[in-house]
Amino acid sequence: MWRFDHATLSAREVQIDLPTATAAGEEVETIVVEALRGQRIVTDARAPDGYQLRSSNESRPGVIGDIFGMRRYGQPAAIVNRGRVISIEIPPANRYDTPAFVGWIVGGGG
């Protein structure tokens, strides 16, 4: 899991301690992510201030764009709102992974 900091325009990894294995028939277990403990997270696709995550696989340039090299390599994601686009720089080890949205930290979650 990665957390994007809008103040520094950087992404950093959030460590999650996951169980190594579960037995068949075990009940679902809630995992607390310590780095986010006490934060309010909303899972709406659109943030309260209007931003949304857009990943590069959502906005393909089409056949003509592919032919003329209009893809944006190394730009897997951005947050966008009313024409403003803020690219999210993914650390090199994960550069080619496709980001998936989890939620927005709101209400003073720094």
PDB file of N, CA and C in Angstrom:
ATOM      1  N   MET A   1       0.863  -1.163   0.000  1.00  0.00           N
ATOM      2  CA  MET A   1       0.000   0.000   0.000  1.00  0.00           C
ATOM      3  C   MET A   1       0.908   1.224   0.000  1.00  0.00           C
ATOM      4  N   TRP A   2       0.477   2.218  -0.767  1.00  0.00           N
ATOM      5  CA  TRP A   2       1.214   3.475  -0.867  1.00  0.00           C
ATOM      6  C   TRP A   2       0.315   4.624  -0.444  1.00  0.00           C
ATOM      7  N   ARG A   3       0.914   5.625   0.176  1.00  0.00           N
ATOM      8  CA  ARG A   3       0.180   6.819   0.605  1.00  0.00           C
ATOM      9  C   ARG A   3       0.783   8.018  -0.116  1.00  0.00           C
ATOM     10  N   PHE A   4      -0.077   8.751  -0.822  1.00  0.00           N
ATOM     11  CA  PHE A   4       0.365   9.939  -1.551  1.00  0.00           C
ATOM     12  C   PHE A   4       0.196  11.150  -0.644  1.00  0.00           C
ATOM     13  N   ASP A   5       1.263  11.931  -0.496  1.00  0.00           N
ATOM     14  CA  ASP A   5       1.238  13.136   0.322  1.00  0.00           C
ATOM     15  C   ASP A   5       1.124  14.337  -0.614  1.00  0.00           C
ATOM     16  N   HIS A   6      -0.027  15.009  -0.561  1.00  0.00           N
ATOM     17  CA  HIS A   6      -0.244  16.129  -1.491  1.00  0.00           C
ATOM     18  C   HIS A   6       0.663  17.315  -1.213  1.00  0.00           C
ATOM     19  N   ALA A   7       1.147  17.459   0.010  1.00  0.00           N
ATOM     20  CA  ALA A   7       2.015  18.592   0.332  1.00  0.00           C
ATOM     21  C   ALA A   7       3.395  18.449  -0.309  1.00  0.00           C
ATOM     22  N   THR A   8       3.923  17.220  -0.343  1.00  0.00           N
ATOM     23  CA  THR A   8       5.253  16.995  -0.912  1.00  0.00           C
ATOM     24  C   THR A   8       5.192  16.389  -2.308  1.00  0.00           C
ATOM     25  N   LEU A   9       3.988  16.034  -2.761  1.00  0.00           N
ATOM     26  CA  LEU A   9       3.772  15.395  -4.058  1.00  0.00           C
ATOM     27  C   LEU A   9       4.603  14.118  -4.203  1.00  0.00           C
ATOM     28  N   SER A  10       4.644  13.350  -3.121  1.00  0.00           N
ATOM     29  CA  SER A  10       5.412  12.106  -3.145  1.00  0.00           C
ATOM     30  C   SER A  10       4.572  10.956  -2.581  1.00  0.00           C
ATOM     31  N   ALA A  11       4.946   9.760  -2.972  1.00  0.00           N
ATOM     32  CA  ALA A  11       4.276   8.562  -2.470  1.00  0.00           C
ATOM     33  C   ALA A  11       5.255   7.793  -1.603  1.00  0.00           C
ATOM     34  N   ARG A  12       4.745   7.246  -0.506  1.00  0.00           N
ATOM     35  CA  ARG A  12       5.602   6.423   0.336  1.00  0.00           C
ATOM     36  C   ARG A  12       4.845   5.161   0.726  1.00  0.00           C
ATOM     37  N   GLU A  13       5.588   4.108   0.931  1.00  0.00           N
ATOM     38  CA  GLU A  13       4.981   2.823   1.248  1.00  0.00           C
ATOM     39  C   GLU A  13       4.460   2.819   2.680  1.00  0.00           C
ATOM     40  N   VAL A  14       3.287   2.219   2.851  1.00  0.00           N
ATOM     41  CA  VAL A  14       2.696   2.020   4.177  1.00  0.00           C
ATOM     42  C   VAL A  14       2.847   0.540   4.483  1.00  0.00           C
ATOM     43  N   GLN A  15       3.561   0.232   5.550  1.00  0.00           N
ATOM     44  CA  GLN A  15       3.795  -1.161   5.913  1.00  0.00           C
ATOM     45  C   GLN A  15       2.526  -1.786   6.488  1.00  0.00           C
ATOM     46  N   ILE A  16       2.250  -2.999   6.044  1.00  0.00           N
ATOM     47  CA  ILE A  16       1.100  -3.748   6.537  1.00  0.00           C
ATOM     48  C   ILE A  16       1.590  -5.123   6.954  1.00  0.00           C
ATOM     49  N   ASP A  17       1.304  -5.500   8.195  1.00  0.00           N
ATOM     50  CA  ASP A  17       1.660  -6.826   8.678  1.00  0.00           C
ATOM     51  C   ASP A  17       0.497  -7.766   8.423  1.00  0.00           C
ATOM     52  N   LEU A  18       0.631  -8.579   7.372  1.00  0.00           N
ATOM     53  CA  LEU A  18      -0.426  -9.523   6.992  1.00  0.00           C
ATOM     54  C   LEU A  18      -0.112 -10.903   7.547  1.00  0.00           C
ATOM     55  N   PRO A  19      -1.144 -11.658   7.920  1.00  0.00           N
ATOM     56  CA  PRO A  19      -0.899 -13.039   8.349  1.00  0.00           C
ATOM     57  C   PRO A  19      -0.335 -13.834   7.177  1.00  0.00           C
ATOM     58  N   THR A  20       0.512 -14.812   7.474  1.00  0.00           N
ATOM     59  CA  THR A  20       1.154 -15.579   6.404  1.00  0.00           C
ATOM     60  C   THR A  20       0.189 -16.527   5.720  1.00  0.00           C
ATOM     61  N   ALA A  21      -0.731 -17.099   6.446  1.00  0.00           N
ATOM     62  CA  ALA A  21      -1.675 -18.040   5.837  1.00  0.00           C
ATOM     63  C   ALA A  21      -2.921 -18.156   6.717  1.00  0.00           C
ATOM     64  N   THR A  22      -4.002 -18.543   6.096  1.00  0.00           N
ATOM     65  CA  THR A  22      -5.228 -18.805   6.849  1.00  0.00           C
ATOM     66  C   THR A  22      -5.706 -20.212   6.521  1.00  0.00           C
ATOM     67  N   ALA A  23      -6.305 -20.822   7.495  1.00  0.00           N
ATOM     68  CA  ALA A  23      -6.826 -22.171   7.286  1.00  0.00           C
ATOM     69  C   ALA A  23      -8.178 -22.097   6.591  1.00  0.00           C
ATOM     70  N   ALA A  24      -8.503 -23.127   5.852  1.00  0.00           N
ATOM     71  CA  ALA A  24      -9.800 -23.192   5.165  1.00  0.00           C
ATOM     72  C   ALA A  24     -10.911 -23.085   6.200  1.00  0.00           C
ATOM     73  N   GLY A  25     -11.887 -22.249   5.922  1.00  0.00           N
ATOM     74  CA  GLY A  25     -13.027 -22.091   6.812  1.00  0.00           C
ATOM     75  C   GLY A  25     -12.825 -21.076   7.926  1.00  0.00           C
ATOM     76  N   GLU A  26     -11.634 -20.459   8.008  1.00  0.00           N
ATOM     77  CA  GLU A  26     -11.415 -19.433   9.033  1.00  0.00           C
ATOM     78  C   GLU A  26     -12.265 -18.217   8.742  1.00  0.00           C
ATOM     79  N   GLU A  27     -12.672 -17.545   9.787  1.00  0.00           N
ATOM     80  CA  GLU A  27     -13.477 -16.338   9.620  1.00  0.00           C
ATOM     81  C   GLU A  27     -12.597 -15.189   9.122  1.00  0.00           C
ATOM     82  N   VAL A  28     -13.238 -14.207   8.522  1.00  0.00           N
ATOM     83  CA  VAL A  28     -12.550 -13.020   8.045  1.00  0.00           C
ATOM     84  C   VAL A  28     -11.972 -12.277   9.242  1.00  0.00           C
ATOM     85  N   GLU A  29     -10.749 -11.803   9.089  1.00  0.00           N
ATOM     86  CA  GLU A  29     -10.079 -11.086  10.161  1.00  0.00           C
ATOM     87  C   GLU A  29      -9.799  -9.659   9.714  1.00  0.00           C
ATOM     88  N   THR A  30     -10.072  -8.702  10.584  1.00  0.00           N
ATOM     89  CA  THR A  30      -9.772  -7.306  10.298  1.00  0.00           C
ATOM     90  C   THR A  30      -8.324  -7.037  10.673  1.00  0.00           C
ATOM     91  N   ILE A  31      -7.585  -6.439   9.756  1.00  0.00           N
ATOM     92  CA  ILE A  31      -6.176  -6.099   9.984  1.00  0.00           C
ATOM     93  C   ILE A  31      -6.095  -4.594  10.217  1.00  0.00           C
ATOM     94  N   VAL A  32      -5.464  -4.190  11.319  1.00  0.00           N
ATOM     95  CA  VAL A  32      -5.267  -2.771  11.609  1.00  0.00           C
ATOM     96  C   VAL A  32      -3.963  -2.336  10.971  1.00  0.00           C
ATOM     97  N   VAL A  33      -4.032  -1.289  10.153  1.00  0.00           N
ATOM     98  CA  VAL A  33      -2.833  -0.708   9.537  1.00  0.00           C
ATOM     99  C   VAL A  33      -2.364   0.376  10.501  1.00  0.00           C
ATOM    100  N   GLU A  34      -1.290   0.064  11.230  1.00  0.00           N
ATOM    101  CA  GLU A  34      -0.820   0.960  12.300  1.00  0.00           C
ATOM    102  C   GLU A  34      -0.542   2.377  11.811  1.00  0.00           C
ATOM    103  N   ALA A  35       0.027   2.520  10.615  1.00  0.00           N
ATOM    104  CA  ALA A  35       0.360   3.848  10.087  1.00  0.00           C
ATOM    105  C   ALA A  35      -0.883   4.699   9.836  1.00  0.00           C
ATOM    106  N   LEU A  36      -2.058   4.063   9.783  1.00  0.00           N
ATOM    107  CA  LEU A  36      -3.297   4.803   9.524  1.00  0.00           C
ATOM    108  C   LEU A  36      -4.245   4.795  10.714  1.00  0.00           C
ATOM    109  N   ARG A  37      -3.804   4.226  11.828  1.00  0.00           N
ATOM    110  CA  ARG A  37      -4.646   4.154  13.029  1.00  0.00           C
ATOM    111  C   ARG A  37      -5.108   5.555  13.427  1.00  0.00           C
ATOM    112  N   GLY A  38      -6.389   5.682  13.688  1.00  0.00           N
ATOM    113  CA  GLY A  38      -6.954   6.955  14.116  1.00  0.00           C
ATOM    114  C   GLY A  38      -7.292   7.915  12.991  1.00  0.00           C
ATOM    115  N   GLN A  39      -6.969   7.561  11.754  1.00  0.00           N
ATOM    116  CA  GLN A  39      -7.268   8.423  10.612  1.00  0.00           C
ATOM    117  C   GLN A  39      -8.678   8.135  10.112  1.00  0.00           C
ATOM    118  N   ARG A  40      -9.349   9.144   9.636  1.00  0.00           N
ATOM    119  CA  ARG A  40     -10.655   8.949   9.012  1.00  0.00           C
ATOM    120  C   ARG A  40     -10.432   8.771   7.517  1.00  0.00           C
ATOM    121  N   ILE A  41     -10.907   7.654   6.983  1.00  0.00           N
ATOM    122  CA  ILE A  41     -10.715   7.337   5.572  1.00  0.00           C
ATOM    123  C   ILE A  41     -12.077   7.160   4.925  1.00  0.00           C
ATOM    124  N   VAL A  42     -12.297   7.855   3.813  1.00  0.00           N
ATOM    125  CA  VAL A  42     -13.532   7.678   3.055  1.00  0.00           C
ATOM    126  C   VAL A  42     -13.189   6.933   1.769  1.00  0.00           C
ATOM    127  N   THR A  43     -14.067   6.056   1.368  1.00  0.00           N
ATOM    128  CA  THR A  43     -13.784   5.215   0.209  1.00  0.00           C
ATOM    129  C   THR A  43     -14.531   5.656  -1.043  1.00  0.00           C
ATOM    130  N   ASP A  44     -15.162   6.817  -1.013  1.00  0.00           N
ATOM    131  CA  ASP A  44     -15.804   7.348  -2.215  1.00  0.00           C
ATOM    132  C   ASP A  44     -14.728   7.588  -3.278  1.00  0.00           C
ATOM    133  N   ALA A  45     -15.045   7.318  -4.532  1.00  0.00           N
ATOM    134  CA  ALA A  45     -14.081   7.504  -5.620  1.00  0.00           C
ATOM    135  C   ALA A  45     -13.646   8.963  -5.731  1.00  0.00           C
ATOM    136  N   ARG A  46     -14.540   9.883  -5.416  1.00  0.00           N
ATOM    137  CA  ARG A  46     -14.228  11.320  -5.484  1.00  0.00           C
ATOM    138  C   ARG A  46     -13.981  11.828  -4.062  1.00  0.00           C
ATOM    139  N   ALA A  47     -12.857  12.525  -3.884  1.00  0.00           N
ATOM    140  CA  ALA A  47     -12.520  13.108  -2.586  1.00  0.00           C
ATOM    141  C   ALA A  47     -13.496  14.236  -2.260  1.00  0.00           C
ATOM    142  N   PRO A  48     -13.623  14.612  -0.985  1.00  0.00           N
ATOM    143  CA  PRO A  48     -14.499  15.728  -0.629  1.00  0.00           C
ATOM    144  C   PRO A  48     -14.174  17.030  -1.369  1.00  0.00           C
ATOM    145  N   ASP A  49     -12.900  17.224  -1.755  1.00  0.00           N
ATOM    146  CA  ASP A  49     -12.540  18.439  -2.487  1.00  0.00           C
ATOM    147  C   ASP A  49     -12.623  18.266  -4.004  1.00  0.00           C
ATOM    148  N   GLY A  50     -13.119  17.099  -4.462  1.00  0.00           N
ATOM    149  CA  GLY A  50     -13.369  16.892  -5.882  1.00  0.00           C
ATOM    150  C   GLY A  50     -12.319  16.102  -6.642  1.00  0.00           C
ATOM    151  N   TYR A  51     -11.180  15.812  -6.034  1.00  0.00           N
ATOM    152  CA  TYR A  51     -10.136  15.066  -6.752  1.00  0.00           C
ATOM    153  C   TYR A  51     -10.522  13.605  -6.931  1.00  0.00           C
ATOM    154  N   GLN A  52      -9.991  12.993  -7.993  1.00  0.00           N
ATOM    155  CA  GLN A  52     -10.170  11.566  -8.271  1.00  0.00           C
ATOM    156  C   GLN A  52      -8.849  11.000  -8.750  1.00  0.00           C
ATOM    157  N   LEU A  53      -8.620   9.715  -8.458  1.00  0.00           N
ATOM    158  CA  LEU A  53      -7.438   9.036  -8.970  1.00  0.00           C
ATOM    159  C   LEU A  53      -7.706   8.592 -10.399  1.00  0.00           C
ATOM    160  N   ARG A  54      -6.776   8.850 -11.275  1.00  0.00           N
ATOM    161  CA  ARG A  54      -6.839   8.357 -12.657  1.00  0.00           C
ATOM    162  C   ARG A  54      -5.557   7.588 -12.908  1.00  0.00           C
ATOM    163  N   SER A  55      -5.690   6.370 -13.393  1.00  0.00           N
ATOM    164  CA  SER A  55      -4.492   5.611 -13.731  1.00  0.00           C
ATOM    165  C   SER A  55      -4.338   5.578 -15.235  1.00  0.00           C
ATOM    166  N   SER A  56      -3.110   5.349 -15.698  1.00  0.00           N
ATOM    167  CA  SER A  56      -2.813   5.437 -17.128  1.00  0.00           C
ATOM    168  C   SER A  56      -3.602   4.438 -17.952  1.00  0.00           C
ATOM    169  N   ASN A  57      -4.009   3.322 -17.366  1.00  0.00           N
ATOM    170  CA  ASN A  57      -4.766   2.353 -18.155  1.00  0.00           C
ATOM    171  C   ASN A  57      -6.221   2.784 -18.347  1.00  0.00           C
ATOM    172  N   GLU A  58      -6.667   3.853 -17.687  1.00  0.00           N
ATOM    173  CA  GLU A  58      -8.028   4.360 -17.870  1.00  0.00           C
ATOM    174  C   GLU A  58      -8.123   5.337 -19.028  1.00  0.00           C
ATOM    175  N   SER A  59      -7.001   5.909 -19.431  1.00  0.00           N
ATOM    176  CA  SER A  59      -7.044   6.947 -20.467  1.00  0.00           C
ATOM    177  C   SER A  59      -6.039   6.638 -21.573  1.00  0.00           C
ATOM    178  N   ARG A  60      -6.250   5.551 -22.255  1.00  0.00           N
ATOM    179  CA  ARG A  60      -5.382   5.146 -23.353  1.00  0.00           C
ATOM    180  C   ARG A  60      -5.526   6.122 -24.510  1.00  0.00           C
ATOM    181  N   PRO A  61      -4.434   6.378 -25.230  1.00  0.00           N
ATOM    182  CA  PRO A  61      -4.512   7.320 -26.342  1.00  0.00           C
ATOM    183  C   PRO A  61      -5.156   6.738 -27.595  1.00  0.00           C
ATOM    184  N   GLY A  62      -5.501   5.448 -27.585  1.00  0.00           N
ATOM    185  CA  GLY A  62      -6.115   4.825 -28.747  1.00  0.00           C
ATOM    186  C   GLY A  62      -5.081   4.318 -29.733  1.00  0.00           C
ATOM    187  N   VAL A  63      -5.564   3.777 -30.840  1.00  0.00           N
ATOM    188  CA  VAL A  63      -4.682   3.172 -31.835  1.00  0.00           C
ATOM    189  C   VAL A  63      -3.724   4.205 -32.417  1.00  0.00           C
ATOM    190  N   ILE A  64      -4.227   5.361 -32.808  1.00  0.00           N
ATOM    191  CA  ILE A  64      -3.372   6.403 -33.397  1.00  0.00           C
ATOM    192  C   ILE A  64      -2.323   6.851 -32.383  1.00  0.00           C
ATOM    193  N   GLY A  65      -2.728   7.035 -31.148  1.00  0.00           N
ATOM    194  CA  GLY A  65      -1.776   7.421 -30.107  1.00  0.00           C
ATOM    195  C   GLY A  65      -0.711   6.368 -29.887  1.00  0.00           C
ATOM    196  N   ASP A  66      -1.094   5.093 -29.936  1.00  0.00           N
ATOM    197  CA  ASP A  66      -0.123   4.012 -29.797  1.00  0.00           C
ATOM    198  C   ASP A  66       0.881   4.041 -30.950  1.00  0.00           C
ATOM    199  N   ILE A  67       0.389   4.249 -32.152  1.00  0.00           N
ATOM    200  CA  ILE A  67       1.258   4.269 -33.334  1.00  0.00           C
ATOM    201  C   ILE A  67       2.272   5.407 -33.242  1.00  0.00           C
ATOM    202  N   PHE A  68       1.841   6.584 -32.799  1.00  0.00           N
ATOM    203  CA  PHE A  68       2.719   7.743 -32.763  1.00  0.00           C
ATOM    204  C   PHE A  68       3.380   7.972 -31.403  1.00  0.00           C
ATOM    205  N   GLY A  69       3.326   6.965 -30.528  1.00  0.00           N
ATOM    206  CA  GLY A  69       4.048   7.036 -29.259  1.00  0.00           C
ATOM    207  C   GLY A  69       3.509   8.047 -28.283  1.00  0.00           C
ATOM    208  N   MET A  70       2.194   8.177 -28.230  1.00  0.00           N
ATOM    209  CA  MET A  70       1.604   9.172 -27.338  1.00  0.00           C
ATOM    210  C   MET A  70       1.325   8.640 -25.930  1.00  0.00           C
ATOM    211  N   ARG A  71       1.746   7.436 -25.631  1.00  0.00           N
ATOM    212  CA  ARG A  71       1.573   6.932 -24.263  1.00  0.00           C
ATOM    213  C   ARG A  71       2.526   7.656 -23.343  1.00  0.00           C
ATOM    214  N   ARG A  72       2.113   7.788 -22.085  1.00  0.00           N
ATOM    215  CA  ARG A  72       2.983   8.431 -21.110  1.00  0.00           C
ATOM    216  C   ARG A  72       3.619   7.356 -20.246  1.00  0.00           C
ATOM    217  N   TYR A  73       4.768   6.869 -20.663  1.00  0.00           N
ATOM    218  CA  TYR A  73       5.477   5.860 -19.887  1.00  0.00           C
ATOM    219  C   TYR A  73       5.987   6.489 -18.599  1.00  0.00           C
ATOM    220  N   GLY A  74       5.962   5.702 -17.523  1.00  0.00           N
ATOM    221  CA  GLY A  74       6.445   6.191 -16.245  1.00  0.00           C
ATOM    222  C   GLY A  74       5.468   7.106 -15.539  1.00  0.00           C
ATOM    223  N   GLN A  75       4.259   7.290 -16.052  1.00  0.00           N
ATOM    224  CA  GLN A  75       3.229   8.118 -15.440  1.00  0.00           C
ATOM    225  C   GLN A  75       2.019   7.237 -15.151  1.00  0.00           C
ATOM    226  N   PRO A  76       2.120   6.326 -14.202  1.00  0.00           N
ATOM    227  CA  PRO A  76       1.022   5.384 -14.015  1.00  0.00           C
ATOM    228  C   PRO A  76      -0.228   5.979 -13.387  1.00  0.00           C
ATOM    229  N   ALA A  77      -0.112   7.123 -12.702  1.00  0.00           N
ATOM    230  CA  ALA A  77      -1.297   7.651 -12.025  1.00  0.00           C
ATOM    231  C   ALA A  77      -1.192   9.151 -11.789  1.00  0.00           C
ATOM    232  N   ALA A  78      -2.360   9.742 -11.598  1.00  0.00           N
ATOM    233  CA  ALA A  78      -2.455  11.157 -11.250  1.00  0.00           C
ATOM    234  C   ALA A  78      -3.758  11.361 -10.493  1.00  0.00           C
ATOM    235  N   ILE A  79      -3.814  12.446  -9.729  1.00  0.00           N
ATOM    236  CA  ILE A  79      -5.098  12.854  -9.170  1.00  0.00           C
ATOM    237  C   ILE A  79      -5.524  14.082  -9.967  1.00  0.00           C
ATOM    238  N   VAL A  80      -6.803  14.121 -10.299  1.00  0.00           N
ATOM    239  CA  VAL A  80      -7.301  15.175 -11.175  1.00  0.00           C
ATOM    240  C   VAL A  80      -8.553  15.825 -10.588  1.00  0.00           C
ATOM    241  N   ASN A  81      -8.708  17.104 -10.889  1.00  0.00           N
ATOM    242  CA  ASN A  81      -9.880  17.850 -10.458  1.00  0.00           C
ATOM    243  C   ASN A  81     -10.019  19.095 -11.320  1.00  0.00           C
ATOM    244  N   ARG A  82     -11.135  19.212 -12.025  1.00  0.00           N
ATOM    245  CA  ARG A  82     -11.460  20.395 -12.831  1.00  0.00           C
ATOM    246  C   ARG A  82     -10.294  20.882 -13.683  1.00  0.00           C
ATOM    247  N   GLY A  83      -9.660  19.968 -14.398  1.00  0.00           N
ATOM    248  CA  GLY A  83      -8.575  20.338 -15.294  1.00  0.00           C
ATOM    249  C   GLY A  83      -7.198  20.328 -14.669  1.00  0.00           C
ATOM    250  N   ARG A  84      -7.105  20.333 -13.356  1.00  0.00           N
ATOM    251  CA  ARG A  84      -5.793  20.263 -12.707  1.00  0.00           C
ATOM    252  C   ARG A  84      -5.373  18.803 -12.617  1.00  0.00           C
ATOM    253  N   VAL A  85      -4.165  18.515 -13.043  1.00  0.00           N
ATOM    254  CA  VAL A  85      -3.634  17.154 -13.021  1.00  0.00           C
ATOM    255  C   VAL A  85      -2.354  17.155 -12.200  1.00  0.00           C
ATOM    256  N   ILE A  86      -2.328  16.338 -11.152  1.00  0.00           N
ATOM    257  CA  ILE A  86      -1.138  16.196 -10.315  1.00  0.00           C
ATOM    258  C   ILE A  86      -0.624  14.774 -10.491  1.00  0.00           C
ATOM    259  N   SER A  87       0.506  14.635 -11.175  1.00  0.00           N
ATOM    260  CA  SER A  87       1.094  13.317 -11.401  1.00  0.00           C
ATOM    261  C   SER A  87       1.588  12.743 -10.084  1.00  0.00           C
ATOM    262  N   ILE A  88       1.410  11.454  -9.931  1.00  0.00           N
ATOM    263  CA  ILE A  88       1.903  10.758  -8.750  1.00  0.00           C
ATOM    264  C   ILE A  88       3.150   9.995  -9.161  1.00  0.00           C
ATOM    265  N   GLU A  89       4.255  10.359  -8.566  1.00  0.00           N
ATOM    266  CA  GLU A  89       5.527   9.703  -8.851  1.00  0.00           C
ATOM    267  C   GLU A  89       5.603   8.428  -8.024  1.00  0.00           C
ATOM    268  N   ILE A  90       5.556   7.308  -8.707  1.00  0.00           N
ATOM    269  CA  ILE A  90       5.626   6.009  -8.052  1.00  0.00           C
ATOM    270  C   ILE A  90       7.101   5.647  -7.876  1.00  0.00           C
ATOM    271  N   PRO A  91       7.504   5.199  -6.678  1.00  0.00           N
ATOM    272  CA  PRO A  91       8.903   4.810  -6.480  1.00  0.00           C
ATOM    273  C   PRO A  91       9.342   3.766  -7.510  1.00  0.00           C
ATOM    274  N   PRO A  92      10.610   3.803  -7.936  1.00  0.00           N
ATOM    275  CA  PRO A  92      11.098   2.951  -9.030  1.00  0.00           C
ATOM    276  C   PRO A  92      10.783   1.463  -8.920  1.00  0.00           C
ATOM    277  N   ALA A  93      10.833   0.898  -7.737  1.00  0.00           N
ATOM    278  CA  ALA A  93      10.590  -0.546  -7.593  1.00  0.00           C
ATOM    279  C   ALA A  93       9.169  -0.934  -7.997  1.00  0.00           C
ATOM    280  N   ASN A  94       8.238   0.011  -7.977  1.00  0.00           N
ATOM    281  CA  ASN A  94       6.838  -0.264  -8.294  1.00  0.00           C
ATOM    282  C   ASN A  94       6.330   0.539  -9.482  1.00  0.00           C
ATOM    283  N   ARG A  95       7.218   1.093 -10.254  1.00  0.00           N
ATOM    284  CA  ARG A  95       6.856   2.009 -11.332  1.00  0.00           C
ATOM    285  C   ARG A  95       5.863   1.424 -12.331  1.00  0.00           C
ATOM    286  N   TYR A  96       5.940   0.131 -12.603  1.00  0.00           N
ATOM    287  CA  TYR A  96       5.081  -0.442 -13.635  1.00  0.00           C
ATOM    288  C   TYR A  96       3.848  -1.131 -13.071  1.00  0.00           C
ATOM    289  N   ASP A  97       3.626  -1.023 -11.767  1.00  0.00           N
ATOM    290  CA  ASP A  97       2.399  -1.543 -11.169  1.00  0.00           C
ATOM    291  C   ASP A  97       1.270  -0.553 -11.448  1.00  0.00           C
ATOM    292  N   THR A  98       0.064  -1.051 -11.580  1.00  0.00           N
ATOM    293  CA  THR A  98      -1.078  -0.175 -11.785  1.00  0.00           C
ATOM    294  C   THR A  98      -1.687   0.165 -10.431  1.00  0.00           C
ATOM    295  N   PRO A  99      -1.694   1.437 -10.050  1.00  0.00           N
ATOM    296  CA  PRO A  99      -2.256   1.809  -8.753  1.00  0.00           C
ATOM    297  C   PRO A  99      -3.753   1.519  -8.680  1.00  0.00           C
ATOM    298  N   ALA A 100      -4.199   1.120  -7.499  1.00  0.00           N
ATOM    299  CA  ALA A 100      -5.623   0.896  -7.244  1.00  0.00           C
ATOM    300  C   ALA A 100      -6.027   1.783  -6.084  1.00  0.00           C
ATOM    301  N   PHE A 101      -7.170   2.377  -6.189  1.00  0.00           N
ATOM    302  CA  PHE A 101      -7.657   3.296  -5.176  1.00  0.00           C
ATOM    303  C   PHE A 101      -8.148   2.542  -3.947  1.00  0.00           C
ATOM    304  N   VAL A 102      -7.789   3.053  -2.751  1.00  0.00           N
ATOM    305  CA  VAL A 102      -8.289   2.480  -1.492  1.00  0.00           C
ATOM    306  C   VAL A 102      -9.166   3.503  -0.785  1.00  0.00           C
ATOM    307  N   GLY A 103      -8.704   4.731  -0.618  1.00  0.00           N
ATOM    308  CA  GLY A 103      -9.516   5.732   0.065  1.00  0.00           C
ATOM    309  C   GLY A 103      -8.771   7.047   0.217  1.00  0.00           C
ATOM    310  N   TRP A 104      -9.490   8.042   0.712  1.00  0.00           N
ATOM    311  CA  TRP A 104      -8.958   9.375   0.966  1.00  0.00           C
ATOM    312  C   TRP A 104      -8.881   9.581   2.471  1.00  0.00           C
ATOM    313  N   ILE A 105      -7.750  10.084   2.969  1.00  0.00           N
ATOM    314  CA  ILE A 105      -7.635  10.443   4.376  1.00  0.00           C
ATOM    315  C   ILE A 105      -8.190  11.861   4.490  1.00  0.00           C
ATOM    316  N   VAL A 106      -9.175  12.030   5.358  1.00  0.00           N
ATOM    317  CA  VAL A 106      -9.826  13.335   5.487  1.00  0.00           C
ATOM    318  C   VAL A 106      -9.846  13.786   6.933  1.00  0.00           C
ATOM    319  N   GLY A 107     -10.092  15.072   7.129  1.00  0.00           N
ATOM    320  CA  GLY A 107     -10.273  15.622   8.461  1.00  0.00           C
ATOM    321  C   GLY A 107      -9.007  15.690   9.297  1.00  0.00           C
ATOM    322  N   GLY A 108      -7.939  16.237   8.724  1.00  0.00           N
ATOM    323  CA  GLY A 108      -6.718  16.425   9.482  1.00  0.00           C
ATOM    324  C   GLY A 108      -5.828  15.212   9.550  1.00  0.00           C
ATOM    325  N   GLY A 109      -6.060  14.225   8.726  1.00  0.00           N
ATOM    326  CA  GLY A 109      -5.212  13.037   8.728  1.00  0.00           C
ATOM    327  C   GLY A 109      -3.910  13.306   8.035  1.00  0.00           C
ATOM    328  N   GLY A 110      -2.878  13.640   8.779  1.00  0.00           N
ATOM    329  CA  GLY A 110      -1.618  14.006   8.172  1.00  0.00           C
ATOM    330  C   GLY A 110      -0.684  12.937   8.195  1.00  0.00           C
TER     331      GLY A 110
END
